[in-house]
Amino acid sequence: MRSRISLIGVVQIYGSISKYDNFFYYPVKYQKYSTTSEENRVLTFLNDDSFCIINSTSNNPAYIKLERNSISNPYKDNRCYVKSNVGLFTAEKPKTLITTANFLNVDAVNSTSSTAFLSQLNEMGKNGYKIVAYNNKVYGNQTVNSYMKLANQNTRYSAIVSDRTASSISNIYFSWLSNLNENGKSGYQFLHSVRPSTDLNFKDYFLKNENDNASYTYDSGYLSPLVDTNQLINVLNKLGQEGCRIIQFKQYFTGNHVEILDNKENQPKIVTCINSSKHNGTYTYRYKDYPTESTRLERALALQSMINAQAKDGYRLVSRSLDISATKKNGLLFMKDSEELDVGEFKVFSEEIFSNTPILKYLNKRFNQQGQIGWLYTNAEFVYANNPKSIQADLNDFQIIE
């Protein structure tokens, strides 16, 4: 057992050691990476293997003792850090190295500016980088787009944008699905959609692997708003048996189409999936509730255990935030590909890479540190995979293209 909490600040001891009631403590200056200000705190050792940083000053020993005595388990207290008897968790490598990866974080270009966004996508794509994260904030009121290049591939990517106008509200989804299928014929996979204004005008972005000659078709399924997990899995498995892999489960249909749920205008939720001409297998799905342990660390450990158990059965995480309904949120969806039974290994951090508004140089370091030992970023932000086939880990409006 070891702590998976990463130190998110700098600690500097600035005064002499003090003793109170048989324990020692040090005055420290503590600065979070996401701020420029220092705070006075106290560092105290619980034992030879753990220390804690208490939000107090050194001239209040009685309060320090009170806070120190309230720590029953340093593994479960986010003020504490625990020595590991094995290698540091951040340096823990996958058992099998499939590939390494390089990452670049560049200034974000908003996708409403199609010329600038396309230019960035294509400039990075011709050098082998594909976009894996879009428009995330970093310290200094800056936003970045993140790109990944796999070391064992000589892949090049090209991007296009397709302007689309829906004829009515009820045509929004169907015009999008038609656009997906039209561009899929030429080997382009859906990446991202944006609606620049309140008009029924949209921009649909697509990405193509220039080293692959596959073509793609898209299909959909519909569920009434009061969806339970069995309904969802039944619809997904029906599409999956036809070789169609889920890419989105977010949109609600509004309008009137006779082919949807027997012409009922009850805003069904829509499943959208993709079928590759080079994939001859099937997909099956499992749904799991997100861990509800009391601390972030406990939830991370429970998620790691759950992901490992599903991986043994050939299932990989494809969404860690699947909203079944307005009240049932953040479920976990796992998928099994009959052509990809070895889904690889996964590593779960207790903190998302974009949480606490990271400083850019530390973000770059974290990305590339993990990439160089064989861990690939996934949409889940705190879940890393060693297999390039296992990097889709969310179902939102921005896709990681496999």
Protein backbone atom coordinates (compact mmCIF):
# COMPACT_ATOMS: atom_id res chain seq x y z
CA MET A 1 0.00 0.00 0.00
CA ARG A 2 1.38 3.44 -0.88
CA SER A 3 0.19 6.99 -1.26
CA ARG A 4 -0.92 8.05 -4.71
CA ILE A 5 -1.19 11.71 -3.84
CA SER A 6 1.33 13.85 -5.71
CA LEU A 7 2.85 16.88 -4.01
CA ILE A 8 1.20 19.85 -5.72
CA GLY A 9 3.34 22.55 -4.15
CA VAL A 10 6.80 23.56 -2.97
CA VAL A 11 7.76 23.27 0.73
CA GLN A 12 10.70 25.15 2.18
CA ILE A 13 11.79 24.87 5.83
CA TYR A 14 12.74 28.33 7.02
CA GLY A 15 13.07 28.00 10.81
CA SER A 16 14.49 25.73 13.46
CA ILE A 17 12.89 22.56 14.76
CA SER A 18 10.56 22.84 17.75
CA LYS A 19 9.37 20.25 20.22
CA TYR A 20 6.01 20.10 21.97
CA ASP A 21 4.54 17.25 24.04
CA ASN A 22 6.94 14.60 22.64
CA PHE A 23 6.65 15.49 18.94
CA PHE A 24 8.68 17.74 16.66
CA TYR A 25 7.57 20.23 14.03
CA TYR A 26 9.12 22.67 11.56
CA PRO A 27 7.89 26.05 10.31
CA VAL A 28 7.65 25.92 6.49
CA LYS A 29 6.76 28.14 3.57
CA TYR A 30 4.24 26.37 1.36
CA GLN A 31 3.45 27.44 -2.19
CA LYS A 32 1.02 25.67 -4.50
CA TYR A 33 2.12 25.29 -8.10
CA SER A 34 -1.07 27.05 -9.17
CA THR A 35 -0.29 30.22 -7.16
CA THR A 36 2.57 32.67 -6.68
CA SER A 37 1.95 33.35 -2.98
CA GLU A 38 3.57 31.57 -0.05
CA GLU A 39 1.73 30.49 3.09
CA ASN A 40 3.09 29.83 6.58
CA ARG A 41 2.44 26.26 7.63
CA VAL A 42 3.90 23.55 9.82
CA LEU A 43 5.48 20.24 8.83
CA THR A 44 5.41 17.44 11.38
CA PHE A 45 6.41 13.79 11.16
CA LEU A 46 3.91 11.21 12.38
CA ASN A 47 6.51 8.44 12.26
CA ASP A 48 9.57 7.43 10.23
CA ASP A 49 7.48 6.91 7.10
CA SER A 50 5.03 9.82 6.98
CA PHE A 51 4.79 13.57 7.42
CA CYS A 52 1.90 16.03 7.30
CA ILE A 53 1.62 19.72 6.45
CA ILE A 54 -0.75 21.44 8.86
CA ASN A 55 -2.37 24.77 8.13
CA SER A 56 -1.00 26.57 11.16
CA THR A 57 1.93 28.69 12.30
CA SER A 58 4.70 27.52 14.59
CA ASN A 59 3.62 29.81 17.43
CA ASN A 60 0.47 27.80 18.08
CA PRO A 61 1.70 24.39 19.31
CA ALA A 62 -1.56 23.46 21.06
CA TYR A 63 -3.49 23.77 17.76
CA ILE A 64 -0.76 21.84 15.94
CA LYS A 65 -1.14 19.03 18.46
CA LEU A 66 -4.93 19.08 18.06
CA GLU A 67 -4.69 18.82 14.27
CA ARG A 68 -1.93 16.21 14.46
CA ASN A 69 -3.97 14.03 16.79
CA SER A 70 -6.96 14.24 14.43
CA ILE A 71 -4.99 12.36 11.74
CA SER A 72 -5.91 8.73 12.19
CA ASN A 73 -4.60 7.40 8.88
CA PRO A 74 -2.04 9.34 6.80
CA TYR A 75 -3.00 7.34 3.70
CA LYS A 76 -6.50 8.80 3.87
CA ASP A 77 -5.62 12.38 4.80
CA ASN A 78 -4.75 14.78 1.99
CA ARG A 79 -2.48 16.77 4.31
CA CYS A 80 -0.09 13.82 4.61
CA TYR A 81 2.53 12.11 2.50
CA VAL A 82 3.70 8.56 3.01
CA LYS A 83 7.01 6.95 2.18
CA SER A 84 6.77 4.04 -0.24
CA ASN A 85 8.83 0.89 0.09
CA VAL A 86 8.82 0.53 -3.70
CA GLY A 87 9.45 2.96 -6.54
CA LEU A 88 7.53 6.22 -6.63
CA PHE A 89 4.07 5.82 -8.10
CA THR A 90 4.63 8.47 -10.75
CA ALA A 91 7.72 6.54 -11.90
CA GLU A 92 5.94 3.18 -11.89
CA LYS A 93 6.23 1.70 -15.39
CA PRO A 94 3.82 -0.65 -17.16
CA LYS A 95 4.86 -4.30 -16.99
CA THR A 96 4.92 -4.34 -20.79
CA LEU A 97 6.25 -1.41 -22.79
CA ILE A 98 4.17 -1.11 -25.99
CA THR A 99 5.27 2.37 -27.02
CA THR A 100 6.46 5.67 -25.66
CA ALA A 101 4.93 9.02 -26.52
CA ASN A 102 5.88 12.68 -26.81
CA PHE A 103 3.43 15.44 -25.90
CA LEU A 104 3.22 19.09 -26.90
CA ASN A 105 0.97 21.70 -25.28
CA VAL A 106 0.40 24.68 -27.55
CA ASP A 107 -1.74 27.79 -27.28
CA ALA A 108 -5.37 26.85 -27.73
CA VAL A 109 -7.11 27.97 -30.89
CA ASN A 110 -10.87 28.14 -30.52
CA SER A 111 -12.69 25.88 -32.96
CA THR A 112 -15.11 28.67 -33.88
CA SER A 113 -12.14 30.04 -35.89
CA SER A 114 -11.99 27.23 -38.42
CA THR A 115 -9.04 28.58 -40.41
CA ALA A 116 -6.77 28.93 -37.37
CA PHE A 117 -7.90 25.66 -35.74
CA LEU A 118 -7.48 23.69 -38.97
CA SER A 119 -4.04 25.21 -39.50
CA GLN A 120 -2.95 24.03 -36.06
CA LEU A 121 -4.42 20.55 -36.48
CA ASN A 122 -2.75 20.06 -39.87
CA GLU A 123 0.59 21.57 -38.88
CA MET A 124 0.81 19.25 -35.90
CA GLY A 125 -0.65 16.33 -37.87
CA LYS A 126 1.97 16.42 -40.61
CA ASN A 127 4.60 16.00 -37.88
CA GLY A 128 2.82 12.97 -36.45
CA TYR A 129 0.95 14.65 -33.58
CA LYS A 130 -2.76 14.19 -33.05
CA ILE A 131 -4.85 16.27 -30.70
CA VAL A 132 -5.77 14.55 -27.41
CA ALA A 133 -7.07 17.43 -25.26
CA TYR A 134 -8.76 20.66 -26.23
CA ASN A 135 -8.97 24.13 -24.69
CA ASN A 136 -7.83 23.40 -21.12
CA LYS A 137 -6.82 26.15 -18.71
CA VAL A 138 -3.31 26.48 -17.33
CA TYR A 139 -1.90 28.98 -14.88
CA GLY A 140 -1.71 32.60 -16.08
CA ASN A 141 -5.15 32.76 -17.72
CA GLN A 142 -3.84 30.70 -20.64
CA THR A 143 -5.50 27.79 -22.45
CA VAL A 144 -3.80 24.99 -24.34
CA ASN A 145 -4.48 22.26 -26.84
CA SER A 146 -2.52 19.05 -26.15
CA TYR A 147 -1.04 16.79 -28.83
CA MET A 148 0.48 13.31 -28.66
CA LYS A 149 2.93 11.51 -30.96
CA LEU A 150 3.51 7.77 -30.59
CA ALA A 151 7.12 6.62 -30.96
CA ASN A 152 6.35 3.31 -32.67
CA GLN A 153 4.25 4.82 -35.46
CA ASN A 154 5.05 6.98 -38.47
CA THR A 155 1.47 8.19 -38.63
CA ARG A 156 0.45 11.48 -40.23
CA TYR A 157 -2.92 13.18 -39.72
CA SER A 158 -4.97 15.61 -41.77
CA ALA A 159 -8.02 17.57 -40.68
CA ILE A 160 -10.98 19.11 -42.48
CA VAL A 161 -13.99 21.16 -41.42
CA SER A 162 -17.46 20.87 -42.88
CA ASP A 163 -19.91 23.75 -42.51
CA ARG A 164 -23.44 22.51 -41.88
CA THR A 165 -26.83 24.19 -41.68
CA ALA A 166 -29.76 22.31 -40.20
CA SER A 167 -33.13 22.95 -41.81
CA SER A 168 -34.92 22.82 -38.44
CA ILE A 169 -34.32 21.89 -34.80
CA SER A 170 -35.48 18.37 -35.50
CA ASN A 171 -32.89 18.14 -38.30
CA ILE A 172 -29.86 19.07 -36.15
CA TYR A 173 -28.93 15.51 -35.27
CA PHE A 174 -29.78 14.01 -38.64
CA SER A 175 -27.81 16.61 -40.60
CA TRP A 176 -24.84 15.84 -38.31
CA LEU A 177 -25.18 12.07 -38.80
CA SER A 178 -25.41 12.57 -42.55
CA ASN A 179 -22.26 14.69 -42.47
CA LEU A 180 -20.44 12.01 -40.48
CA ASN A 181 -21.31 9.34 -43.02
CA GLU A 182 -20.43 11.54 -45.99
CA ASN A 183 -16.94 12.30 -44.67
CA GLY A 184 -16.47 8.78 -43.34
CA LYS A 185 -16.44 7.49 -46.94
CA SER A 186 -13.12 9.27 -47.42
CA GLY A 187 -11.58 7.90 -44.21
CA TYR A 188 -12.30 10.86 -41.94
CA GLN A 189 -13.38 10.21 -38.34
CA PHE A 190 -15.46 12.67 -36.39
CA LEU A 191 -13.46 14.87 -34.02
CA HIS A 192 -15.51 17.83 -32.78
CA SER A 193 -18.54 20.01 -33.50
CA VAL A 194 -19.15 23.63 -32.62
CA ARG A 195 -22.13 25.96 -33.00
CA PRO A 196 -20.67 29.48 -33.35
CA SER A 197 -23.99 31.30 -32.83
CA THR A 198 -27.62 30.70 -31.95
CA ASP A 199 -28.39 30.05 -35.62
CA LEU A 200 -28.70 26.48 -36.88
CA ASN A 201 -25.20 26.69 -38.36
CA PHE A 202 -22.49 24.27 -37.27
CA LYS A 203 -18.87 23.41 -37.97
CA ASP A 204 -17.99 19.71 -37.92
CA TYR A 205 -14.31 18.77 -37.68
CA PHE A 206 -12.87 15.48 -38.91
CA LEU A 207 -9.45 13.85 -38.60
CA LYS A 208 -7.88 11.30 -40.94
CA ASN A 209 -5.02 8.89 -40.37
CA GLU A 210 -3.13 9.27 -43.64
CA ASN A 211 -1.40 5.92 -43.13
CA ASP A 212 -4.72 4.05 -43.02
CA ASN A 213 -7.11 3.35 -45.89
CA ALA A 214 -10.16 2.48 -43.77
CA SER A 215 -13.53 4.07 -44.45
CA TYR A 216 -16.22 4.67 -41.82
CA THR A 217 -19.98 4.56 -41.42
CA TYR A 218 -22.03 5.85 -38.50
CA ASP A 219 -25.24 4.61 -36.91
CA SER A 220 -27.43 5.49 -33.93
CA GLY A 221 -29.82 4.16 -31.33
CA TYR A 222 -32.43 5.87 -29.16
CA LEU A 223 -33.42 5.63 -25.52
CA SER A 224 -36.27 7.38 -23.72
CA PRO A 225 -35.23 9.98 -21.12
CA LEU A 226 -35.86 7.68 -18.14
CA VAL A 227 -33.01 5.40 -19.11
CA ASP A 228 -31.84 2.59 -16.88
CA THR A 229 -28.54 0.79 -17.33
CA ASN A 230 -30.12 -2.35 -18.77
CA GLN A 231 -31.82 -0.31 -21.51
CA LEU A 232 -28.55 1.37 -22.35
CA ILE A 233 -26.51 -1.84 -22.47
CA ASN A 234 -29.15 -3.55 -24.62
CA VAL A 235 -29.03 -0.74 -27.19
CA LEU A 236 -25.22 -0.61 -27.13
CA ASN A 237 -24.89 -4.38 -27.50
CA LYS A 238 -27.32 -4.41 -30.41
CA LEU A 239 -25.22 -1.81 -32.22
CA GLY A 240 -22.02 -3.51 -31.08
CA GLN A 241 -23.03 -6.85 -32.57
CA GLU A 242 -23.18 -5.02 -35.90
CA GLY A 243 -19.59 -3.86 -35.39
CA CYS A 244 -20.49 -0.32 -34.39
CA ARG A 245 -18.38 1.27 -31.60
CA ILE A 246 -19.92 4.00 -29.42
CA ILE A 247 -18.43 7.50 -29.76
CA GLN A 248 -21.09 9.66 -28.11
CA PHE A 249 -23.96 9.44 -25.64
CA LYS A 250 -24.89 12.99 -24.82
CA GLN A 251 -27.39 14.51 -27.22
CA TYR A 252 -31.16 14.57 -26.79
CA PHE A 253 -33.36 14.53 -29.85
CA THR A 254 -35.89 17.35 -30.07
CA GLY A 255 -38.54 17.39 -32.75
CA ASN A 256 -40.68 14.95 -34.66
CA HIS A 257 -39.42 12.01 -36.72
CA VAL A 258 -41.65 9.00 -37.27
CA GLU A 259 -38.73 6.57 -37.05
CA ILE A 260 -37.83 7.55 -33.49
CA LEU A 261 -39.55 5.68 -30.66
CA ASP A 262 -42.81 5.20 -32.57
CA ASN A 263 -43.17 8.91 -33.32
CA LYS A 264 -43.15 9.91 -29.64
CA GLU A 265 -41.89 13.43 -29.00
CA ASN A 266 -40.34 12.63 -25.64
CA GLN A 267 -36.76 13.76 -26.23
CA PRO A 268 -34.98 10.40 -26.42
CA LYS A 269 -31.27 10.32 -25.69
CA ILE A 270 -29.17 9.30 -28.68
CA VAL A 271 -26.31 6.81 -28.93
CA THR A 272 -23.97 7.39 -31.88
CA CYS A 273 -21.44 4.79 -33.05
CA ILE A 274 -18.79 4.27 -35.72
CA ASN A 275 -18.07 1.24 -37.90
CA SER A 276 -14.71 0.78 -39.62
CA SER A 277 -14.33 -1.07 -42.93
CA LYS A 278 -11.18 -2.73 -41.50
CA HIS A 279 -12.85 -3.96 -38.32
CA ASN A 280 -14.61 -7.31 -38.64
CA GLY A 281 -15.37 -7.95 -35.01
CA THR A 282 -18.10 -7.08 -32.53
CA TYR A 283 -18.38 -4.98 -29.36
CA THR A 284 -20.02 -5.75 -26.03
CA TYR A 285 -20.51 -3.39 -23.10
CA ARG A 286 -20.72 -3.32 -19.31
CA TYR A 287 -21.86 -0.51 -17.02
CA LYS A 288 -20.49 0.09 -13.50
CA ASP A 289 -21.31 2.72 -10.92
CA TYR A 290 -18.48 5.11 -10.13
CA PRO A 291 -16.69 4.35 -6.82
CA THR A 292 -18.15 6.28 -3.88
CA GLU A 293 -15.40 5.91 -1.28
CA SER A 294 -15.01 8.87 1.07
CA THR A 295 -11.62 10.24 -0.06
CA ARG A 296 -10.08 10.98 -3.44
CA LEU A 297 -7.30 8.48 -2.77
CA GLU A 298 -9.73 5.71 -1.84
CA ARG A 299 -11.79 6.39 -4.98
CA ALA A 300 -8.64 6.24 -7.11
CA LEU A 301 -7.64 2.90 -5.59
CA ALA A 302 -11.16 1.51 -6.06
CA LEU A 303 -11.22 2.70 -9.68
CA GLN A 304 -7.81 1.10 -10.32
CA SER A 305 -9.10 -2.18 -8.91
CA MET A 306 -12.27 -2.00 -11.01
CA ILE A 307 -10.39 -1.20 -14.22
CA ASN A 308 -7.93 -4.04 -13.60
CA ALA A 309 -10.76 -6.52 -12.97
CA GLN A 310 -12.54 -5.54 -16.19
CA ALA A 311 -9.28 -5.68 -18.16
CA LYS A 312 -8.82 -9.31 -17.14
CA ASP A 313 -12.10 -10.02 -18.95
CA GLY A 314 -11.00 -8.06 -22.02
CA TYR A 315 -13.04 -4.92 -21.24
CA ARG A 316 -11.50 -1.45 -21.33
CA LEU A 317 -12.80 1.84 -20.01
CA VAL A 318 -14.47 3.97 -22.71
CA SER A 319 -16.28 6.47 -20.49
CA ARG A 320 -15.72 7.50 -16.89
CA SER A 321 -18.50 10.13 -16.89
CA LEU A 322 -21.52 8.55 -18.53
CA ASP A 323 -24.69 10.42 -17.53
CA ILE A 324 -27.55 7.94 -17.79
CA SER A 325 -30.11 10.56 -16.82
CA ALA A 326 -30.34 13.91 -15.07
CA THR A 327 -30.06 12.17 -11.70
CA LYS A 328 -27.80 9.21 -12.52
CA LYS A 329 -24.42 10.67 -13.47
CA ASN A 330 -20.77 9.80 -13.95
CA GLY A 331 -21.15 6.10 -14.52
CA LEU A 332 -18.38 3.94 -15.98
CA LEU A 333 -18.78 2.24 -19.34
CA PHE A 334 -16.51 -0.65 -20.34
CA MET A 335 -16.23 -2.12 -23.84
CA LYS A 336 -14.92 -5.43 -25.16
CA ASP A 337 -13.65 -5.66 -28.74
CA SER A 338 -13.66 -9.21 -30.10
CA GLU A 339 -10.58 -8.31 -32.19
CA GLU A 340 -8.66 -6.70 -29.31
CA LEU A 341 -8.88 -9.01 -26.30
CA ASP A 342 -5.64 -7.75 -24.69
CA VAL A 343 -6.56 -4.20 -23.67
CA GLY A 344 -3.25 -3.58 -21.94
CA GLU A 345 -2.52 -2.01 -18.57
CA PHE A 346 -3.84 1.08 -16.82
CA LYS A 347 -2.60 3.44 -14.12
CA VAL A 348 -4.98 5.64 -12.10
CA PHE A 349 -3.87 8.87 -10.42
CA SER A 350 -5.87 10.47 -7.64
CA GLU A 351 -5.64 13.86 -9.30
CA GLU A 352 -6.56 14.95 -12.83
CA ILE A 353 -3.74 16.36 -14.91
CA PHE A 354 -5.63 19.60 -15.57
CA SER A 355 -6.91 20.07 -12.02
CA ASN A 356 -5.82 23.03 -9.88
CA THR A 357 -4.97 25.02 -13.06
CA PRO A 358 -1.45 23.60 -13.60
CA ILE A 359 1.59 25.67 -14.48
CA LEU A 360 2.50 24.89 -18.08
CA LYS A 361 6.06 23.68 -17.45
CA TYR A 362 4.82 21.20 -14.85
CA LEU A 363 2.03 20.07 -17.17
CA ASN A 364 4.59 19.41 -19.92
CA LYS A 365 6.80 17.56 -17.46
CA ARG A 366 3.96 15.37 -16.21
CA PHE A 367 2.75 14.50 -19.73
CA ASN A 368 6.20 13.62 -21.07
CA GLN A 369 7.43 11.95 -17.90
CA GLN A 370 4.57 9.48 -18.15
CA GLY A 371 4.82 9.21 -21.94
CA GLN A 372 8.49 8.30 -21.87
CA ILE A 373 7.95 5.38 -19.49
CA GLY A 374 5.09 4.03 -21.61
CA TRP A 375 1.90 5.60 -20.23
CA LEU A 376 -0.48 7.33 -22.67
CA TYR A 377 -2.90 10.07 -21.73
CA THR A 378 -6.61 9.27 -22.04
CA ASN A 379 -9.67 11.50 -22.01
CA ALA A 380 -10.27 10.46 -18.41
CA GLU A 381 -7.39 12.81 -17.36
CA PHE A 382 -6.33 10.67 -14.40
CA VAL A 383 -6.38 7.28 -16.22
CA TYR A 384 -3.34 6.33 -18.31
CA ALA A 385 -3.04 3.33 -20.65
CA ASN A 386 -0.02 1.59 -22.16
CA ASN A 387 -1.96 0.40 -25.23
CA PRO A 388 -2.74 2.97 -27.98
CA LYS A 389 -6.00 1.09 -28.60
CA SER A 390 -7.17 1.99 -25.09
CA ILE A 391 -6.99 5.77 -25.03
CA GLN A 392 -10.68 6.61 -25.51
CA ALA A 393 -11.95 7.09 -21.99
CA ASP A 394 -14.78 9.56 -22.28
CA LEU A 395 -17.79 10.20 -24.50
CA ASN A 396 -18.09 13.94 -24.95
CA ASP A 397 -18.09 16.45 -27.79
CA PHE A 398 -14.38 16.05 -28.37
CA GLN A 399 -13.10 12.67 -29.49
CA ILE A 400 -9.68 11.04 -29.20
CA ILE A 401 -9.25 9.34 -32.57
CA GLU A 402 -7.87 5.80 -32.29
